[in-house]
Structures are given as structure tokens and as C-alpha cells.
Amino acid sequence: MMRLVIQLWQSGTHDAQHSATPFMIAASAAAMDVEVCIHALGSSVELFEQSNHARHTPVAPLGRALSAYIDDALRSGVRVALCSTAMRDRALAPADMIPDATEIIGMVSMLELALDPTCKVLVY
């Protein structure tokens, strides 16, 4: 089975207009029976923080909330792995995150997945 890792590096609530795309791609790939995992690095972990109201910023042209795109991907079976360093630097714990985004992994685990020969990686 093909695997896809989508690394969120520059995506975040600071730029909702460009941050919906990786979630649309993730949901589409999952619908094609691709195993998809989103790796949230740096400030992108804030996309999954329950109390971050910026998650609900409307995205043009539809005016649909960014969080709706995230929810679509999660409902499609996309897995989310949050960077342990990014979580620590922001004093965030799994309890602070939305229910389907509580897996925390380190950089070595992220690299192992990304380097798997059956895996493709997209970076946003």
C-alpha cells in the first residue's frame, strides 16, 4: 500500500488561506485508499489546538472555516502526528489538542516514516 506523509512546516493559523490545501489533499488521498499521515511541525501544531480560535478562520473563496477542512481529513481516516519538540516549546499536552490529533512523535520517528521506500512526502 502506498503511504503519504504530509509535513506541515509553513502551514498554520497565521495563513489560513494557504493552510486548507494540505488537508484537502490528505482527504483526497485517503479516499483513494492511500495511508495518509500529517506530521505537524513547529507552529503548525497550533492548527490542532482546541482553544485556538484562529483554527476557525474562514478560507476564501467559499468562506468555509479552516477547521472544517481539518475535520474532513480526520473523518477520512487521516492520521495526525504532532512534533514533540513543537508541543514542548508551546507547553501543549495531548489534552490541549482536538480529540483526533493527540499522537506525539519525535523527529526520528517522523524521519523513519518519511524515508520508508513505500512512502511519498509532501511539504507545506
N, C-alpha and C. Protein backbone atom coordinates (compact mmCIF):
# COMPACT_ATOMS: atom_id res chain seq x y z
N MET A 1 0.84 -1.19 0.00
CA MET A 1 0.00 0.00 0.00
C MET A 1 0.88 1.25 0.00
N MET A 2 0.52 2.20 -0.82
CA MET A 2 1.23 3.48 -0.87
C MET A 2 0.93 4.27 0.39
N ARG A 3 1.95 4.94 0.89
CA ARG A 3 1.79 5.79 2.07
C ARG A 3 2.18 7.21 1.70
N LEU A 4 1.48 8.15 2.28
CA LEU A 4 1.74 9.56 2.05
C LEU A 4 1.91 10.27 3.39
N VAL A 5 3.03 10.97 3.52
CA VAL A 5 3.26 11.84 4.68
C VAL A 5 3.16 13.27 4.18
N ILE A 6 2.33 14.05 4.84
CA ILE A 6 2.22 15.47 4.54
C ILE A 6 2.82 16.21 5.73
N GLN A 7 3.96 16.83 5.50
CA GLN A 7 4.62 17.59 6.57
C GLN A 7 4.12 19.03 6.54
N LEU A 8 3.56 19.46 7.65
CA LEU A 8 3.14 20.85 7.78
C LEU A 8 4.28 21.60 8.46
N TRP A 9 4.93 22.43 7.69
CA TRP A 9 6.09 23.17 8.19
C TRP A 9 5.80 24.66 8.20
N GLN A 10 5.30 25.19 7.09
CA GLN A 10 4.96 26.61 6.99
C GLN A 10 3.46 26.86 7.16
N SER A 11 2.67 25.80 7.17
CA SER A 11 1.22 25.95 7.33
C SER A 11 0.90 26.30 8.77
N GLY A 12 -0.15 27.09 8.93
CA GLY A 12 -0.55 27.43 10.29
C GLY A 12 -1.72 28.38 10.30
N THR A 13 -2.20 28.67 11.48
CA THR A 13 -3.34 29.56 11.62
C THR A 13 -3.01 30.98 11.20
N HIS A 14 -1.73 31.31 11.11
CA HIS A 14 -1.31 32.64 10.67
C HIS A 14 -1.60 32.86 9.18
N ASP A 15 -1.84 31.79 8.43
CA ASP A 15 -2.10 31.89 6.99
C ASP A 15 -3.16 30.87 6.59
N ALA A 16 -4.37 31.09 7.05
CA ALA A 16 -5.45 30.13 6.81
C ALA A 16 -5.70 29.92 5.32
N GLN A 17 -5.53 30.96 4.51
CA GLN A 17 -5.81 30.85 3.07
C GLN A 17 -4.97 29.76 2.40
N HIS A 18 -3.75 29.58 2.86
CA HIS A 18 -2.88 28.57 2.24
C HIS A 18 -2.83 27.27 3.04
N SER A 19 -3.43 27.25 4.20
CA SER A 19 -3.32 26.09 5.07
C SER A 19 -4.41 25.05 4.86
N ALA A 20 -5.44 25.36 4.08
CA ALA A 20 -6.50 24.38 3.83
C ALA A 20 -6.06 23.32 2.82
N THR A 21 -5.19 23.71 1.88
CA THR A 21 -4.78 22.81 0.79
C THR A 21 -4.24 21.46 1.27
N PRO A 22 -3.29 21.41 2.21
CA PRO A 22 -2.79 20.09 2.60
C PRO A 22 -3.87 19.16 3.16
N PHE A 23 -4.89 19.73 3.78
CA PHE A 23 -5.97 18.91 4.32
C PHE A 23 -6.89 18.39 3.22
N MET A 24 -7.09 19.19 2.17
CA MET A 24 -7.87 18.73 1.02
C MET A 24 -7.13 17.60 0.31
N ILE A 25 -5.82 17.75 0.15
CA ILE A 25 -5.02 16.70 -0.48
C ILE A 25 -5.04 15.44 0.38
N ALA A 26 -4.91 15.60 1.68
CA ALA A 26 -4.92 14.45 2.59
C ALA A 26 -6.24 13.69 2.49
N ALA A 27 -7.36 14.40 2.52
CA ALA A 27 -8.67 13.75 2.44
C ALA A 27 -8.84 13.06 1.10
N SER A 28 -8.38 13.69 0.03
CA SER A 28 -8.49 13.08 -1.31
C SER A 28 -7.66 11.81 -1.41
N ALA A 29 -6.44 11.86 -0.89
CA ALA A 29 -5.57 10.67 -0.92
C ALA A 29 -6.17 9.54 -0.10
N ALA A 30 -6.72 9.87 1.06
CA ALA A 30 -7.35 8.84 1.89
C ALA A 30 -8.53 8.20 1.16
N ALA A 31 -9.28 9.00 0.40
CA ALA A 31 -10.40 8.47 -0.39
C ALA A 31 -9.92 7.53 -1.48
N MET A 32 -8.65 7.66 -1.87
CA MET A 32 -8.04 6.79 -2.88
C MET A 32 -7.36 5.59 -2.23
N ASP A 33 -7.67 5.34 -0.96
CA ASP A 33 -7.11 4.23 -0.18
C ASP A 33 -5.61 4.35 0.03
N VAL A 34 -5.10 5.57 0.08
CA VAL A 34 -3.71 5.82 0.44
C VAL A 34 -3.66 6.02 1.95
N GLU A 35 -2.69 5.41 2.60
CA GLU A 35 -2.50 5.62 4.03
C GLU A 35 -1.84 6.99 4.21
N VAL A 36 -2.52 7.91 4.89
CA VAL A 36 -2.04 9.28 5.00
C VAL A 36 -1.77 9.64 6.45
N CYS A 37 -0.61 10.26 6.67
CA CYS A 37 -0.27 10.78 7.99
C CYS A 37 0.22 12.22 7.82
N ILE A 38 -0.37 13.12 8.59
CA ILE A 38 0.08 14.50 8.62
C ILE A 38 1.05 14.65 9.77
N HIS A 39 2.22 15.19 9.48
CA HIS A 39 3.21 15.49 10.51
C HIS A 39 3.19 16.99 10.74
N ALA A 40 2.78 17.41 11.92
CA ALA A 40 2.72 18.83 12.26
C ALA A 40 4.00 19.23 12.98
N LEU A 41 4.73 20.15 12.35
CA LEU A 41 6.00 20.64 12.90
C LEU A 41 5.84 22.11 13.28
N GLY A 42 6.64 22.57 14.22
CA GLY A 42 6.67 23.99 14.57
C GLY A 42 5.28 24.52 14.91
N SER A 43 5.00 25.74 14.41
CA SER A 43 3.74 26.40 14.76
C SER A 43 2.52 25.70 14.17
N SER A 44 2.72 24.77 13.25
CA SER A 44 1.56 24.08 12.66
C SER A 44 0.82 23.22 13.69
N VAL A 45 1.47 22.87 14.81
CA VAL A 45 0.74 22.11 15.84
C VAL A 45 -0.44 22.92 16.37
N GLU A 46 -0.36 24.25 16.26
CA GLU A 46 -1.44 25.12 16.75
C GLU A 46 -2.72 24.95 15.93
N LEU A 47 -2.62 24.38 14.74
CA LEU A 47 -3.81 24.09 13.94
C LEU A 47 -4.74 23.10 14.64
N PHE A 48 -4.18 22.31 15.54
CA PHE A 48 -4.92 21.24 16.20
C PHE A 48 -5.22 21.55 17.66
N GLU A 49 -4.88 22.76 18.10
CA GLU A 49 -5.11 23.17 19.49
C GLU A 49 -6.58 23.55 19.68
N GLN A 50 -7.26 22.86 20.59
CA GLN A 50 -8.70 23.08 20.79
C GLN A 50 -9.04 24.54 21.06
N SER A 51 -8.27 25.21 21.88
CA SER A 51 -8.62 26.58 22.31
C SER A 51 -8.16 27.66 21.34
N ASN A 52 -7.55 27.27 20.22
CA ASN A 52 -7.06 28.26 19.26
C ASN A 52 -8.20 28.65 18.31
N HIS A 53 -8.81 29.79 18.57
CA HIS A 53 -9.96 30.23 17.77
C HIS A 53 -9.58 30.56 16.33
N ALA A 54 -8.31 30.81 16.07
CA ALA A 54 -7.86 31.08 14.70
C ALA A 54 -8.05 29.86 13.79
N ARG A 55 -8.21 28.67 14.38
CA ARG A 55 -8.48 27.46 13.60
C ARG A 55 -9.76 27.60 12.77
N HIS A 56 -10.65 28.48 13.22
CA HIS A 56 -11.97 28.62 12.59
C HIS A 56 -12.02 29.78 11.60
N THR A 57 -10.86 30.32 11.24
CA THR A 57 -10.79 31.42 10.27
C THR A 57 -11.40 30.98 8.94
N PRO A 58 -12.27 31.80 8.34
CA PRO A 58 -12.84 31.45 7.04
C PRO A 58 -11.77 31.46 5.94
N VAL A 59 -11.88 30.50 5.04
CA VAL A 59 -10.95 30.38 3.92
C VAL A 59 -11.70 30.73 2.63
N ALA A 60 -11.15 31.68 1.87
CA ALA A 60 -11.74 32.09 0.59
C ALA A 60 -11.52 30.99 -0.45
N PRO A 61 -12.33 30.86 -1.45
CA PRO A 61 -13.46 31.72 -1.79
C PRO A 61 -14.78 31.29 -1.15
N LEU A 62 -14.82 30.11 -0.53
CA LEU A 62 -16.09 29.59 -0.01
C LEU A 62 -16.47 30.17 1.35
N GLY A 63 -15.50 30.72 2.07
CA GLY A 63 -15.77 31.21 3.41
C GLY A 63 -15.93 30.10 4.43
N ARG A 64 -15.46 28.92 4.06
CA ARG A 64 -15.53 27.75 4.93
C ARG A 64 -14.41 27.83 5.96
N ALA A 65 -14.69 27.44 7.19
CA ALA A 65 -13.68 27.52 8.26
C ALA A 65 -12.52 26.56 7.99
N LEU A 66 -11.31 27.00 8.30
CA LEU A 66 -10.13 26.14 8.18
C LEU A 66 -10.34 24.85 8.95
N SER A 67 -10.94 24.94 10.13
CA SER A 67 -11.18 23.74 10.94
C SER A 67 -12.07 22.72 10.22
N ALA A 68 -12.93 23.16 9.32
CA ALA A 68 -13.78 22.24 8.57
C ALA A 68 -12.94 21.37 7.63
N TYR A 69 -11.92 21.96 7.03
CA TYR A 69 -11.01 21.20 6.16
C TYR A 69 -10.22 20.18 6.99
N ILE A 70 -9.79 20.60 8.17
CA ILE A 70 -9.07 19.69 9.07
C ILE A 70 -9.99 18.53 9.46
N ASP A 71 -11.23 18.85 9.83
CA ASP A 71 -12.19 17.81 10.22
C ASP A 71 -12.47 16.84 9.07
N ASP A 72 -12.56 17.35 7.84
CA ASP A 72 -12.77 16.48 6.67
C ASP A 72 -11.66 15.45 6.56
N ALA A 73 -10.42 15.91 6.71
CA ALA A 73 -9.28 15.00 6.60
C ALA A 73 -9.32 13.95 7.71
N LEU A 74 -9.61 14.38 8.92
CA LEU A 74 -9.65 13.43 10.04
C LEU A 74 -10.77 12.41 9.86
N ARG A 75 -11.93 12.86 9.39
CA ARG A 75 -13.05 11.93 9.14
C ARG A 75 -12.72 10.94 8.03
N SER A 76 -11.82 11.32 7.15
CA SER A 76 -11.41 10.44 6.04
C SER A 76 -10.41 9.38 6.48
N GLY A 77 -9.99 9.44 7.74
CA GLY A 77 -9.06 8.45 8.26
C GLY A 77 -7.61 8.90 8.26
N VAL A 78 -7.37 10.17 7.99
CA VAL A 78 -6.01 10.71 8.01
C VAL A 78 -5.53 10.74 9.46
N ARG A 79 -4.32 10.27 9.67
CA ARG A 79 -3.69 10.27 10.99
C ARG A 79 -2.89 11.56 11.15
N VAL A 80 -2.83 12.09 12.35
CA VAL A 80 -2.05 13.29 12.64
C VAL A 80 -1.02 12.94 13.70
N ALA A 81 0.24 13.31 13.44
CA ALA A 81 1.31 13.13 14.41
C ALA A 81 1.92 14.51 14.69
N LEU A 82 1.93 14.88 15.95
CA LEU A 82 2.41 16.19 16.37
C LEU A 82 3.86 16.09 16.83
N CYS A 83 4.67 17.05 16.45
CA CYS A 83 6.09 17.07 16.81
C CYS A 83 6.25 17.29 18.31
N SER A 84 6.99 16.41 18.95
CA SER A 84 7.18 16.51 20.40
C SER A 84 7.89 17.80 20.79
N THR A 85 8.86 18.24 20.00
CA THR A 85 9.57 19.48 20.31
C THR A 85 8.65 20.68 20.20
N ALA A 86 7.85 20.73 19.13
CA ALA A 86 6.91 21.84 18.95
C ALA A 86 5.89 21.88 20.08
N MET A 87 5.43 20.72 20.51
CA MET A 87 4.48 20.67 21.62
C MET A 87 5.13 21.16 22.91
N ARG A 88 6.33 20.69 23.18
CA ARG A 88 7.04 21.10 24.40
C ARG A 88 7.31 22.60 24.40
N ASP A 89 7.77 23.13 23.25
CA ASP A 89 8.10 24.55 23.17
C ASP A 89 6.88 25.44 23.41
N ARG A 90 5.70 24.92 23.17
CA ARG A 90 4.46 25.69 23.35
C ARG A 90 3.72 25.29 24.62
N ALA A 91 4.34 24.44 25.42
CA ALA A 91 3.74 23.94 26.67
C ALA A 91 2.36 23.33 26.42
N LEU A 92 2.25 22.59 25.31
CA LEU A 92 1.00 21.93 24.95
C LEU A 92 1.07 20.45 25.32
N ALA A 93 -0.06 19.90 25.72
CA ALA A 93 -0.18 18.48 26.05
C ALA A 93 -1.28 17.89 25.18
N PRO A 94 -1.34 16.56 25.06
CA PRO A 94 -2.40 15.95 24.27
C PRO A 94 -3.81 16.43 24.66
N ALA A 95 -4.03 16.70 25.92
CA ALA A 95 -5.34 17.17 26.38
C ALA A 95 -5.72 18.53 25.81
N ASP A 96 -4.73 19.29 25.33
CA ASP A 96 -4.98 20.61 24.74
C ASP A 96 -5.40 20.54 23.28
N MET A 97 -5.30 19.37 22.70
CA MET A 97 -5.49 19.23 21.26
C MET A 97 -6.88 18.66 20.95
N ILE A 98 -7.30 18.81 19.68
CA ILE A 98 -8.59 18.24 19.29
C ILE A 98 -8.51 16.72 19.44
N PRO A 99 -9.63 16.05 19.68
CA PRO A 99 -9.60 14.62 20.02
C PRO A 99 -8.85 13.71 19.04
N ASP A 100 -8.91 13.97 17.75
CA ASP A 100 -8.28 13.08 16.77
C ASP A 100 -6.83 13.45 16.46
N ALA A 101 -6.27 14.37 17.22
CA ALA A 101 -4.88 14.79 16.98
C ALA A 101 -4.12 14.84 18.30
N THR A 102 -3.90 13.67 18.86
CA THR A 102 -3.20 13.61 20.15
C THR A 102 -1.93 12.76 20.11
N GLU A 103 -1.61 12.22 18.94
CA GLU A 103 -0.39 11.40 18.82
C GLU A 103 0.82 12.33 18.74
N ILE A 104 1.79 12.10 19.60
CA ILE A 104 3.01 12.91 19.61
C ILE A 104 4.18 12.00 19.29
N ILE A 105 4.97 12.42 18.30
CA ILE A 105 6.17 11.64 17.95
C ILE A 105 7.36 12.59 17.80
N GLY A 106 8.53 12.02 17.91
CA GLY A 106 9.76 12.80 17.78
C GLY A 106 10.25 12.83 16.34
N MET A 107 11.28 13.61 16.13
CA MET A 107 11.83 13.81 14.79
C MET A 107 12.35 12.50 14.19
N VAL A 108 12.96 11.64 14.99
CA VAL A 108 13.49 10.38 14.46
C VAL A 108 12.34 9.53 13.91
N SER A 109 11.24 9.45 14.64
CA SER A 109 10.08 8.69 14.16
C SER A 109 9.52 9.29 12.88
N MET A 110 9.48 10.63 12.82
CA MET A 110 9.00 11.29 11.61
C MET A 110 9.91 10.96 10.43
N LEU A 111 11.20 11.00 10.65
CA LEU A 111 12.16 10.71 9.58
C LEU A 111 12.07 9.25 9.14
N GLU A 112 11.91 8.34 10.08
CA GLU A 112 11.78 6.93 9.72
C GLU A 112 10.59 6.71 8.78
N LEU A 113 9.48 7.33 9.10
CA LEU A 113 8.30 7.20 8.23
C LEU A 113 8.54 7.82 6.87
N ALA A 114 9.14 9.01 6.86
CA ALA A 114 9.36 9.73 5.60
C ALA A 114 10.37 9.02 4.70
N LEU A 115 11.30 8.29 5.28
CA LEU A 115 12.34 7.62 4.49
C LEU A 115 11.93 6.21 4.04
N ASP A 116 10.78 5.75 4.46
CA ASP A 116 10.29 4.44 4.03
C ASP A 116 10.12 4.46 2.51
N PRO A 117 10.66 3.46 1.79
CA PRO A 117 10.58 3.45 0.33
C PRO A 117 9.16 3.38 -0.23
N THR A 118 8.19 2.96 0.58
CA THR A 118 6.80 2.92 0.11
C THR A 118 6.06 4.23 0.40
N CYS A 119 6.80 5.24 0.82
CA CYS A 119 6.20 6.49 1.25
C CYS A 119 6.58 7.66 0.35
N LYS A 120 5.62 8.52 0.09
CA LYS A 120 5.86 9.80 -0.60
C LYS A 120 5.67 10.90 0.43
N VAL A 121 6.40 12.00 0.28
CA VAL A 121 6.31 13.11 1.23
C VAL A 121 5.99 14.40 0.50
N LEU A 122 5.01 15.12 1.00
CA LEU A 122 4.68 16.46 0.53
C LEU A 122 4.90 17.41 1.70
N VAL A 123 5.47 18.57 1.43
CA VAL A 123 5.76 19.54 2.49
C VAL A 123 5.00 20.83 2.21
N TYR A 124 4.29 21.30 3.21
CA TYR A 124 3.55 22.56 3.12
C TYR A 124 3.97 23.47 4.24
